[in-house]
Amino acid sequence: MNVDKAVLTFAGIVVLLSLALGWYVSPYCFLLAAFAGVNMIQASFTGFCPAAIVFKKLGLRSGNAFS
């Protein structure tokens, strides 16, 4: 797995977790999905993604989007 796939997988997990928590716990948990979406949008424009940095430090190989 490379950094790009790991970031997309992590973002998907965060969104699905946020939806589940928002449904069962509190509507405020939907803010986590909003944060993930905003972070994905800003990463597409700037190329900066904190999750990509963490995954690189964990030893995953670089991908095309986050090199």
PDB file of N, CA and C in Angstrom:
ATOM      1  N   MET A   1       0.857  -1.176   0.000  1.00  0.00           N
ATOM      2  CA  MET A   1       0.000   0.000   0.000  1.00  0.00           C
ATOM      3  C   MET A   1       0.896   1.231   0.000  1.00  0.00           C
ATOM      4  N   ASN A   2       0.515   2.229  -0.807  1.00  0.00           N
ATOM      5  CA  ASN A   2       1.284   3.465  -0.809  1.00  0.00           C
ATOM      6  C   ASN A   2       0.537   4.547  -0.014  1.00  0.00           C
ATOM      7  N   VAL A   3       1.148   5.706   0.089  1.00  0.00           N
ATOM      8  CA  VAL A   3       0.602   6.792   0.903  1.00  0.00           C
ATOM      9  C   VAL A   3      -0.755   7.251   0.363  1.00  0.00           C
ATOM     10  N   ASP A   4      -0.886   7.334  -0.960  1.00  0.00           N
ATOM     11  CA  ASP A   4      -2.138   7.798  -1.547  1.00  0.00           C
ATOM     12  C   ASP A   4      -3.308   6.906  -1.153  1.00  0.00           C
ATOM     13  N   LYS A   5      -3.131   5.606  -1.283  1.00  0.00           N
ATOM     14  CA  LYS A   5      -4.198   4.668  -0.934  1.00  0.00           C
ATOM     15  C   LYS A   5      -4.487   4.701   0.563  1.00  0.00           C
ATOM     16  N   ALA A   6      -3.441   4.852   1.373  1.00  0.00           N
ATOM     17  CA  ALA A   6      -3.634   4.914   2.822  1.00  0.00           C
ATOM     18  C   ALA A   6      -4.424   6.157   3.217  1.00  0.00           C
ATOM     19  N   VAL A   7      -4.129   7.289   2.594  1.00  0.00           N
ATOM     20  CA  VAL A   7      -4.851   8.529   2.900  1.00  0.00           C
ATOM     21  C   VAL A   7      -6.317   8.405   2.499  1.00  0.00           C
ATOM     22  N   LEU A   8      -6.588   7.854   1.326  1.00  0.00           N
ATOM     23  CA  LEU A   8      -7.972   7.689   0.893  1.00  0.00           C
ATOM     24  C   LEU A   8      -8.726   6.714   1.791  1.00  0.00           C
ATOM     25  N   THR A   9      -8.069   5.634   2.181  1.00  0.00           N
ATOM     26  CA  THR A   9      -8.693   4.670   3.088  1.00  0.00           C
ATOM     27  C   THR A   9      -8.993   5.310   4.436  1.00  0.00           C
ATOM     28  N   PHE A  10      -8.030   6.048   4.970  1.00  0.00           N
ATOM     29  CA  PHE A  10      -8.217   6.715   6.252  1.00  0.00           C
ATOM     30  C   PHE A  10      -9.354   7.736   6.183  1.00  0.00           C
ATOM     31  N   ALA A  11      -9.414   8.513   5.105  1.00  0.00           N
ATOM     32  CA  ALA A  11     -10.479   9.513   4.958  1.00  0.00           C
ATOM     33  C   ALA A  11     -11.839   8.827   4.884  1.00  0.00           C
ATOM     34  N   GLY A  12     -11.913   7.727   4.167  1.00  0.00           N
ATOM     35  CA  GLY A  12     -13.177   6.994   4.091  1.00  0.00           C
ATOM     36  C   GLY A  12     -13.614   6.451   5.433  1.00  0.00           C
ATOM     37  N   ILE A  13     -12.660   5.932   6.197  1.00  0.00           N
ATOM     38  CA  ILE A  13     -12.981   5.417   7.534  1.00  0.00           C
ATOM     39  C   ILE A  13     -13.462   6.543   8.442  1.00  0.00           C
ATOM     40  N   VAL A  14     -12.797   7.690   8.373  1.00  0.00           N
ATOM     41  CA  VAL A  14     -13.195   8.831   9.210  1.00  0.00           C
ATOM     42  C   VAL A  14     -14.610   9.291   8.864  1.00  0.00           C
ATOM     43  N   VAL A  15     -14.924   9.356   7.582  1.00  0.00           N
ATOM     44  CA  VAL A  15     -16.264   9.796   7.172  1.00  0.00           C
ATOM     45  C   VAL A  15     -17.314   8.795   7.631  1.00  0.00           C
ATOM     46  N   LEU A  16     -17.084   7.506   7.408  1.00  0.00           N
ATOM     47  CA  LEU A  16     -18.064   6.498   7.823  1.00  0.00           C
ATOM     48  C   LEU A  16     -18.221   6.447   9.344  1.00  0.00           C
ATOM     49  N   LEU A  17     -17.117   6.579  10.073  1.00  0.00           N
ATOM     50  CA  LEU A  17     -17.178   6.614  11.534  1.00  0.00           C
ATOM     51  C   LEU A  17     -17.965   7.832  12.005  1.00  0.00           C
ATOM     52  N   SER A  18     -17.722   8.970  11.359  1.00  0.00           N
ATOM     53  CA  SER A  18     -18.441  10.185  11.720  1.00  0.00           C
ATOM     54  C   SER A  18     -19.937  10.040  11.478  1.00  0.00           C
ATOM     55  N   LEU A  19     -20.302   9.415  10.370  1.00  0.00           N
ATOM     56  CA  LEU A  19     -21.722   9.211  10.086  1.00  0.00           C
ATOM     57  C   LEU A  19     -22.369   8.298  11.124  1.00  0.00           C
ATOM     58  N   ALA A  20     -21.674   7.230  11.490  1.00  0.00           N
ATOM     59  CA  ALA A  20     -22.216   6.315  12.504  1.00  0.00           C
ATOM     60  C   ALA A  20     -22.346   7.010  13.852  1.00  0.00           C
ATOM     61  N   LEU A  21     -21.315   7.745  14.252  1.00  0.00           N
ATOM     62  CA  LEU A  21     -21.368   8.455  15.527  1.00  0.00           C
ATOM     63  C   LEU A  21     -22.438   9.539  15.513  1.00  0.00           C
ATOM     64  N   GLY A  22     -22.586  10.221  14.387  1.00  0.00           N
ATOM     65  CA  GLY A  22     -23.609  11.252  14.273  1.00  0.00           C
ATOM     66  C   GLY A  22     -25.011  10.679  14.363  1.00  0.00           C
ATOM     67  N   TRP A  23     -25.198   9.493  13.862  1.00  0.00           N
ATOM     68  CA  TRP A  23     -26.516   8.850  13.884  1.00  0.00           C
ATOM     69  C   TRP A  23     -26.845   8.306  15.272  1.00  0.00           C
ATOM     70  N   TYR A  24     -25.841   7.665  15.907  1.00  0.00           N
ATOM     71  CA  TYR A  24     -26.113   6.968  17.173  1.00  0.00           C
ATOM     72  C   TYR A  24     -25.753   7.771  18.428  1.00  0.00           C
ATOM     73  N   VAL A  25     -24.827   8.722  18.327  1.00  0.00           N
ATOM     74  CA  VAL A  25     -24.350   9.405  19.531  1.00  0.00           C
ATOM     75  C   VAL A  25     -24.843  10.845  19.587  1.00  0.00           C
ATOM     76  N   SER A  26     -24.387  11.663  18.647  1.00  0.00           N
ATOM     77  CA  SER A  26     -24.725  13.082  18.673  1.00  0.00           C
ATOM     78  C   SER A  26     -24.579  13.674  17.275  1.00  0.00           C
ATOM     79  N   PRO A  27     -25.474  14.555  16.888  1.00  0.00           N
ATOM     80  CA  PRO A  27     -25.344  15.195  15.580  1.00  0.00           C
ATOM     81  C   PRO A  27     -24.057  16.026  15.444  1.00  0.00           C
ATOM     82  N   TYR A  28     -23.472  16.418  16.540  1.00  0.00           N
ATOM     83  CA  TYR A  28     -22.217  17.168  16.482  1.00  0.00           C
ATOM     84  C   TYR A  28     -21.077  16.340  15.898  1.00  0.00           C
ATOM     85  N   CYS A  29     -21.207  15.035  15.915  1.00  0.00           N
ATOM     86  CA  CYS A  29     -20.176  14.168  15.339  1.00  0.00           C
ATOM     87  C   CYS A  29     -20.102  14.306  13.824  1.00  0.00           C
ATOM     88  N   PHE A  30     -21.147  14.848  13.196  1.00  0.00           N
ATOM     89  CA  PHE A  30     -21.099  15.090  11.755  1.00  0.00           C
ATOM     90  C   PHE A  30     -20.048  16.134  11.402  1.00  0.00           C
ATOM     91  N   LEU A  31     -19.641  16.930  12.381  1.00  0.00           N
ATOM     92  CA  LEU A  31     -18.588  17.915  12.140  1.00  0.00           C
ATOM     93  C   LEU A  31     -17.268  17.240  11.783  1.00  0.00           C
ATOM     94  N   LEU A  32     -17.055  16.029  12.256  1.00  0.00           N
ATOM     95  CA  LEU A  32     -15.846  15.286  11.899  1.00  0.00           C
ATOM     96  C   LEU A  32     -15.836  14.980  10.402  1.00  0.00           C
ATOM     97  N   ALA A  33     -16.981  14.621   9.838  1.00  0.00           N
ATOM     98  CA  ALA A  33     -17.071  14.384   8.393  1.00  0.00           C
ATOM     99  C   ALA A  33     -16.823  15.684   7.624  1.00  0.00           C
ATOM    100  N   ALA A  34     -17.349  16.784   8.137  1.00  0.00           N
ATOM    101  CA  ALA A  34     -17.113  18.080   7.494  1.00  0.00           C
ATOM    102  C   ALA A  34     -15.631  18.436   7.519  1.00  0.00           C
ATOM    103  N   PHE A  35     -14.971  18.189   8.647  1.00  0.00           N
ATOM    104  CA  PHE A  35     -13.540  18.455   8.747  1.00  0.00           C
ATOM    105  C   PHE A  35     -12.754  17.601   7.755  1.00  0.00           C
ATOM    106  N   ALA A  36     -13.114  16.333   7.629  1.00  0.00           N
ATOM    107  CA  ALA A  36     -12.427  15.453   6.692  1.00  0.00           C
ATOM    108  C   ALA A  36     -12.615  15.942   5.259  1.00  0.00           C
ATOM    109  N   GLY A  37     -13.819  16.378   4.933  1.00  0.00           N
ATOM    110  CA  GLY A  37     -14.074  16.888   3.592  1.00  0.00           C
ATOM    111  C   GLY A  37     -13.292  18.156   3.294  1.00  0.00           C
ATOM    112  N   VAL A  38     -13.266  19.070   4.233  1.00  0.00           N
ATOM    113  CA  VAL A  38     -12.508  20.310   4.052  1.00  0.00           C
ATOM    114  C   VAL A  38     -11.020  20.005   3.916  1.00  0.00           C
ATOM    115  N   ASN A  39     -10.520  19.064   4.704  1.00  0.00           N
ATOM    116  CA  ASN A  39      -9.121  18.702   4.627  1.00  0.00           C
ATOM    117  C   ASN A  39      -8.790  18.088   3.265  1.00  0.00           C
ATOM    118  N   MET A  40      -9.692  17.257   2.715  1.00  0.00           N
ATOM    119  CA  MET A  40      -9.454  16.670   1.397  1.00  0.00           C
ATOM    120  C   MET A  40      -9.442  17.744   0.312  1.00  0.00           C
ATOM    121  N   ILE A  41     -10.331  18.732   0.430  1.00  0.00           N
ATOM    122  CA  ILE A  41     -10.361  19.812  -0.556  1.00  0.00           C
ATOM    123  C   ILE A  41      -9.084  20.641  -0.492  1.00  0.00           C
ATOM    124  N   GLN A  42      -8.661  21.015   0.712  1.00  0.00           N
ATOM    125  CA  GLN A  42      -7.446  21.825   0.809  1.00  0.00           C
ATOM    126  C   GLN A  42      -6.220  21.036   0.373  1.00  0.00           C
ATOM    127  N   ALA A  43      -6.193  19.731   0.624  1.00  0.00           N
ATOM    128  CA  ALA A  43      -5.059  18.915   0.185  1.00  0.00           C
ATOM    129  C   ALA A  43      -5.002  18.820  -1.333  1.00  0.00           C
ATOM    130  N   SER A  44      -6.152  18.843  -1.986  1.00  0.00           N
ATOM    131  CA  SER A  44      -6.144  18.776  -3.446  1.00  0.00           C
ATOM    132  C   SER A  44      -5.578  20.049  -4.067  1.00  0.00           C
ATOM    133  N   PHE A  45      -5.725  21.185  -3.379  1.00  0.00           N
ATOM    134  CA  PHE A  45      -5.194  22.439  -3.900  1.00  0.00           C
ATOM    135  C   PHE A  45      -3.745  22.681  -3.475  1.00  0.00           C
ATOM    136  N   THR A  46      -3.416  22.340  -2.238  1.00  0.00           N
ATOM    137  CA  THR A  46      -2.096  22.677  -1.717  1.00  0.00           C
ATOM    138  C   THR A  46      -1.103  21.525  -1.747  1.00  0.00           C
ATOM    139  N   GLY A  47      -1.593  20.291  -1.757  1.00  0.00           N
ATOM    140  CA  GLY A  47      -0.701  19.131  -1.696  1.00  0.00           C
ATOM    141  C   GLY A  47      -0.251  18.812  -0.284  1.00  0.00           C
ATOM    142  N   PHE A  48      -0.712  19.574   0.697  1.00  0.00           N
ATOM    143  CA  PHE A  48      -0.345  19.346   2.095  1.00  0.00           C
ATOM    144  C   PHE A  48      -1.419  18.527   2.779  1.00  0.00           C
ATOM    145  N   CYS A  49      -1.025  17.384   3.331  1.00  0.00           N
ATOM    146  CA  CYS A  49      -1.964  16.532   4.047  1.00  0.00           C
ATOM    147  C   CYS A  49      -1.265  15.964   5.282  1.00  0.00           C
ATOM    148  N   PRO A  50      -1.742  16.310   6.473  1.00  0.00           N
ATOM    149  CA  PRO A  50      -1.105  15.794   7.685  1.00  0.00           C
ATOM    150  C   PRO A  50      -1.097  14.274   7.759  1.00  0.00           C
ATOM    151  N   ALA A  51      -2.156  13.629   7.287  1.00  0.00           N
ATOM    152  CA  ALA A  51      -2.192  12.163   7.314  1.00  0.00           C
ATOM    153  C   ALA A  51      -1.114  11.576   6.419  1.00  0.00           C
ATOM    154  N   ALA A  52      -0.850  12.201   5.273  1.00  0.00           N
ATOM    155  CA  ALA A  52       0.195  11.716   4.372  1.00  0.00           C
ATOM    156  C   ALA A  52       1.565  11.784   5.048  1.00  0.00           C
ATOM    157  N   ILE A  53       1.797  12.832   5.807  1.00  0.00           N
ATOM    158  CA  ILE A  53       3.071  12.966   6.518  1.00  0.00           C
ATOM    159  C   ILE A  53       3.229  11.841   7.537  1.00  0.00           C
ATOM    160  N   VAL A  54       2.153  11.553   8.257  1.00  0.00           N
ATOM    161  CA  VAL A  54       2.194  10.473   9.258  1.00  0.00           C
ATOM    162  C   VAL A  54       2.439   9.131   8.583  1.00  0.00           C
ATOM    163  N   PHE A  55       1.743   8.868   7.474  1.00  0.00           N
ATOM    164  CA  PHE A  55       1.915   7.587   6.794  1.00  0.00           C
ATOM    165  C   PHE A  55       3.320   7.449   6.209  1.00  0.00           C
ATOM    166  N   LYS A  56       3.911   8.545   5.737  1.00  0.00           N
ATOM    167  CA  LYS A  56       5.298   8.495   5.249  1.00  0.00           C
ATOM    168  C   LYS A  56       6.247   8.142   6.379  1.00  0.00           C
ATOM    169  N   LYS A  57       6.029   8.742   7.555  1.00  0.00           N
ATOM    170  CA  LYS A  57       6.895   8.457   8.702  1.00  0.00           C
ATOM    171  C   LYS A  57       6.728   7.030   9.186  1.00  0.00           C
ATOM    172  N   LEU A  58       5.558   6.430   8.912  1.00  0.00           N
ATOM    173  CA  LEU A  58       5.336   5.036   9.283  1.00  0.00           C
ATOM    174  C   LEU A  58       5.979   4.071   8.285  1.00  0.00           C
ATOM    175  N   GLY A  59       6.530   4.613   7.191  1.00  0.00           N
ATOM    176  CA  GLY A  59       7.282   3.781   6.266  1.00  0.00           C
ATOM    177  C   GLY A  59       6.578   3.404   4.980  1.00  0.00           C
ATOM    178  N   LEU A  60       5.400   3.955   4.721  1.00  0.00           N
ATOM    179  CA  LEU A  60       4.729   3.651   3.466  1.00  0.00           C
ATOM    180  C   LEU A  60       5.434   4.376   2.326  1.00  0.00           C
ATOM    181  N   ARG A  61       5.435   3.753   1.165  1.00  0.00           N
ATOM    182  CA  ARG A  61       6.116   4.358   0.019  1.00  0.00           C
ATOM    183  C   ARG A  61       5.246   5.472  -0.570  1.00  0.00           C
ATOM    184  N   SER A  62       5.884   6.437  -1.180  1.00  0.00           N
ATOM    185  CA  SER A  62       5.178   7.584  -1.751  1.00  0.00           C
ATOM    186  C   SER A  62       4.331   7.152  -2.935  1.00  0.00           C
ATOM    187  N   GLY A  63       3.277   7.905  -3.158  1.00  0.00           N
ATOM    188  CA  GLY A  63       2.421   7.677  -4.312  1.00  0.00           C
ATOM    189  C   GLY A  63       2.544   8.829  -5.282  1.00  0.00           C
ATOM    190  N   ASN A  64       1.580   8.964  -6.166  1.00  0.00           N
ATOM    191  CA  ASN A  64       1.613  10.046  -7.154  1.00  0.00           C
ATOM    192  C   ASN A  64       1.143  11.376  -6.564  1.00  0.00           C
ATOM    193  N   ALA A  65       0.125  11.341  -5.733  1.00  0.00           N
ATOM    194  CA  ALA A  65      -0.445  12.582  -5.223  1.00  0.00           C
ATOM    195  C   ALA A  65       0.391  13.164  -4.089  1.00  0.00           C
ATOM    196  N   PHE A  66       0.834  12.342  -3.180  1.00  0.00           N
ATOM    197  CA  PHE A  66       1.615  12.808  -2.034  1.00  0.00           C
ATOM    198  C   PHE A  66       3.011  12.208  -2.112  1.00  0.00           C
ATOM    199  N   SER A  67       3.891  12.885  -2.816  1.00  0.00           N
ATOM    200  CA  SER A  67       5.257  12.353  -2.990  1.00  0.00           C
ATOM    201  C   SER A  67       6.242  13.037  -2.079  1.00  0.00           C
TER     202      SER A  67
END
